[in-house]
Amino acid sequence: MDCTVINDGKDTLSLISNNSFDVLILDLAMSGFSGFSVLEELEKEDLLKSTNIIVLTATPITHREEDLLKRYGVKEIMKKPADMTSLIKILEIYA
């Protein structure tokens, strides 16, 4: 399994627009763009359907935000600190 690490929301958009990924692990609190902004832009570019998205975040999520994440097609929402065994199991499902 190959892994690409991106620390900025804007860089995420650029990389996903020009490459194909099986899974995107997205933090909601990134520099440049929030995770919600990244999802909104990916939806505009019709890139959500081709990528499995896992949200991994320390940010508290409201029920409204959880509903929005599900609308964007987020497969899993994990809280930090993440349990690596659980994360690996999720990756095995979607990668």
C-alpha atoms as a PDB file:
ATOM      1  CA  MET A   1       0.000   0.000   0.000  1.00  0.00           C
ATOM      2  CA  ASP A   2       1.363   3.401  -0.996  1.00  0.00           C
ATOM      3  CA  CYS A   3       0.756   6.458   1.137  1.00  0.00           C
ATOM      4  CA  THR A   4       0.920  10.167   0.279  1.00  0.00           C
ATOM      5  CA  VAL A   5       0.923  12.693   3.116  1.00  0.00           C
ATOM      6  CA  ILE A   6      -0.380  16.215   2.576  1.00  0.00           C
ATOM      7  CA  ASN A   7      -0.510  18.792   5.345  1.00  0.00           C
ATOM      8  CA  ASP A   8      -2.501  21.535   3.630  1.00  0.00           C
ATOM      9  CA  GLY A   9      -6.090  21.557   2.397  1.00  0.00           C
ATOM     10  CA  LYS A  10      -5.292  23.430  -0.816  1.00  0.00           C
ATOM     11  CA  ASP A  11      -2.540  20.947  -1.672  1.00  0.00           C
ATOM     12  CA  THR A  12      -5.045  18.154  -1.060  1.00  0.00           C
ATOM     13  CA  LEU A  13      -7.376  19.568  -3.698  1.00  0.00           C
ATOM     14  CA  SER A  14      -4.614  19.903  -6.239  1.00  0.00           C
ATOM     15  CA  LEU A  15      -3.264  16.405  -5.692  1.00  0.00           C
ATOM     16  CA  ILE A  16      -6.663  14.694  -5.763  1.00  0.00           C
ATOM     17  CA  SER A  17      -7.690  16.609  -8.885  1.00  0.00           C
ATOM     18  CA  ASN A  18      -4.672  15.219 -10.738  1.00  0.00           C
ATOM     19  CA  ASN A  19      -4.302  11.725  -9.228  1.00  0.00           C
ATOM     20  CA  SER A  20      -6.394   8.730  -8.249  1.00  0.00           C
ATOM     21  CA  PHE A  21      -6.517   7.479  -4.657  1.00  0.00           C
ATOM     22  CA  ASP A  22      -8.404   4.557  -3.141  1.00  0.00           C
ATOM     23  CA  VAL A  23      -8.713   6.236   0.264  1.00  0.00           C
ATOM     24  CA  LEU A  24      -8.442   9.777   1.581  1.00  0.00           C
ATOM     25  CA  ILE A  25      -7.915  10.172   5.331  1.00  0.00           C
ATOM     26  CA  LEU A  26      -9.030  13.708   6.001  1.00  0.00           C
ATOM     27  CA  ASP A  27      -8.577  15.838   9.105  1.00  0.00           C
ATOM     28  CA  LEU A  28     -11.232  18.493   9.599  1.00  0.00           C
ATOM     29  CA  ALA A  29      -8.698  21.001  10.986  1.00  0.00           C
ATOM     30  CA  MET A  30      -6.006  21.594   8.355  1.00  0.00           C
ATOM     31  CA  SER A  31      -4.140  24.704   7.378  1.00  0.00           C
ATOM     32  CA  GLY A  32      -5.300  26.463   4.227  1.00  0.00           C
ATOM     33  CA  PHE A  33      -8.743  24.855   4.044  1.00  0.00           C
ATOM     34  CA  SER A  34     -10.854  23.053   6.596  1.00  0.00           C
ATOM     35  CA  GLY A  35     -11.776  19.452   5.896  1.00  0.00           C
ATOM     36  CA  PHE A  36     -15.334  20.615   5.205  1.00  0.00           C
ATOM     37  CA  SER A  37     -14.015  23.080   2.607  1.00  0.00           C
ATOM     38  CA  VAL A  38     -11.990  20.312   0.969  1.00  0.00           C
ATOM     39  CA  LEU A  39     -15.093  18.115   0.764  1.00  0.00           C
ATOM     40  CA  GLU A  40     -17.145  20.965  -0.674  1.00  0.00           C
ATOM     41  CA  GLU A  41     -14.560  21.603  -3.399  1.00  0.00           C
ATOM     42  CA  LEU A  42     -14.219  17.894  -4.183  1.00  0.00           C
ATOM     43  CA  GLU A  43     -17.994  17.728  -4.577  1.00  0.00           C
ATOM     44  CA  LYS A  44     -17.936  20.678  -7.001  1.00  0.00           C
ATOM     45  CA  GLU A  45     -15.309  18.878  -9.077  1.00  0.00           C
ATOM     46  CA  ASP A  46     -17.275  15.589  -8.877  1.00  0.00           C
ATOM     47  CA  LEU A  47     -14.342  13.822  -7.213  1.00  0.00           C
ATOM     48  CA  LEU A  48     -16.164  12.445  -4.169  1.00  0.00           C
ATOM     49  CA  LYS A  49     -17.593   9.426  -5.969  1.00  0.00           C
ATOM     50  CA  SER A  50     -14.202   8.009  -6.909  1.00  0.00           C
ATOM     51  CA  THR A  51     -12.520   8.240  -3.487  1.00  0.00           C
ATOM     52  CA  ASN A  52     -13.340   6.536  -0.187  1.00  0.00           C
ATOM     53  CA  ILE A  53     -13.087   9.163   2.533  1.00  0.00           C
ATOM     54  CA  ILE A  54     -12.266   8.555   6.189  1.00  0.00           C
ATOM     55  CA  VAL A  55     -12.382  11.517   8.557  1.00  0.00           C
ATOM     56  CA  LEU A  56      -9.826  11.373  11.358  1.00  0.00           C
ATOM     57  CA  THR A  57     -10.130  14.327  13.688  1.00  0.00           C
ATOM     58  CA  ALA A  58      -9.792  15.643  17.209  1.00  0.00           C
ATOM     59  CA  THR A  59     -12.435  18.278  16.478  1.00  0.00           C
ATOM     60  CA  PRO A  60     -15.791  17.638  18.178  1.00  0.00           C
ATOM     61  CA  ILE A  61     -18.453  16.925  15.540  1.00  0.00           C
ATOM     62  CA  THR A  62     -22.079  17.968  15.921  1.00  0.00           C
ATOM     63  CA  HIS A  63     -24.944  15.805  14.638  1.00  0.00           C
ATOM     64  CA  ARG A  64     -25.478  18.332  11.851  1.00  0.00           C
ATOM     65  CA  GLU A  65     -21.808  18.098  10.810  1.00  0.00           C
ATOM     66  CA  GLU A  66     -21.941  14.300  10.966  1.00  0.00           C
ATOM     67  CA  ASP A  67     -24.974  14.350   8.668  1.00  0.00           C
ATOM     68  CA  LEU A  68     -23.108  16.656   6.286  1.00  0.00           C
ATOM     69  CA  LEU A  69     -20.072  14.356   6.274  1.00  0.00           C
ATOM     70  CA  LYS A  70     -22.317  11.397   5.437  1.00  0.00           C
ATOM     71  CA  ARG A  71     -23.928  13.424   2.639  1.00  0.00           C
ATOM     72  CA  TYR A  72     -20.456  13.976   1.218  1.00  0.00           C
ATOM     73  CA  GLY A  73     -19.995  10.207   1.240  1.00  0.00           C
ATOM     74  CA  VAL A  74     -17.600   9.925   4.177  1.00  0.00           C
ATOM     75  CA  LYS A  75     -17.327   6.219   4.962  1.00  0.00           C
ATOM     76  CA  GLU A  76     -15.994   6.441   8.514  1.00  0.00           C
ATOM     77  CA  ILE A  77     -15.470   9.105  11.171  1.00  0.00           C
ATOM     78  CA  MET A  78     -12.700   8.371  13.656  1.00  0.00           C
ATOM     79  CA  LYS A  79     -11.698  10.393  16.695  1.00  0.00           C
ATOM     80  CA  LYS A  80      -8.078  11.197  17.522  1.00  0.00           C
ATOM     81  CA  PRO A  81      -6.084   9.664  18.924  1.00  0.00           C
ATOM     82  CA  ALA A  82      -6.920   6.868  16.528  1.00  0.00           C
ATOM     83  CA  ASP A  83      -6.678   3.228  17.428  1.00  0.00           C
ATOM     84  CA  MET A  84      -4.257   1.887  14.810  1.00  0.00           C
ATOM     85  CA  THR A  85      -5.819  -1.575  14.773  1.00  0.00           C
ATOM     86  CA  SER A  86      -9.213  -0.045  13.941  1.00  0.00           C
ATOM     87  CA  LEU A  87      -7.699   2.236  11.300  1.00  0.00           C
ATOM     88  CA  ILE A  88      -5.923  -0.672   9.621  1.00  0.00           C
ATOM     89  CA  LYS A  89      -9.168  -2.684   9.557  1.00  0.00           C
ATOM     90  CA  ILE A  90     -10.967   0.240   7.933  1.00  0.00           C
ATOM     91  CA  LEU A  91      -8.194   0.650   5.365  1.00  0.00           C
ATOM     92  CA  GLU A  92      -8.395  -3.037   4.528  1.00  0.00           C
ATOM     93  CA  ILE A  93     -12.086  -2.559   3.723  1.00  0.00           C
ATOM     94  CA  TYR A  94     -11.723   0.503   1.498  1.00  0.00           C
ATOM     95  CA  ALA A  95      -8.215   0.285   0.011  1.00  0.00           C
END
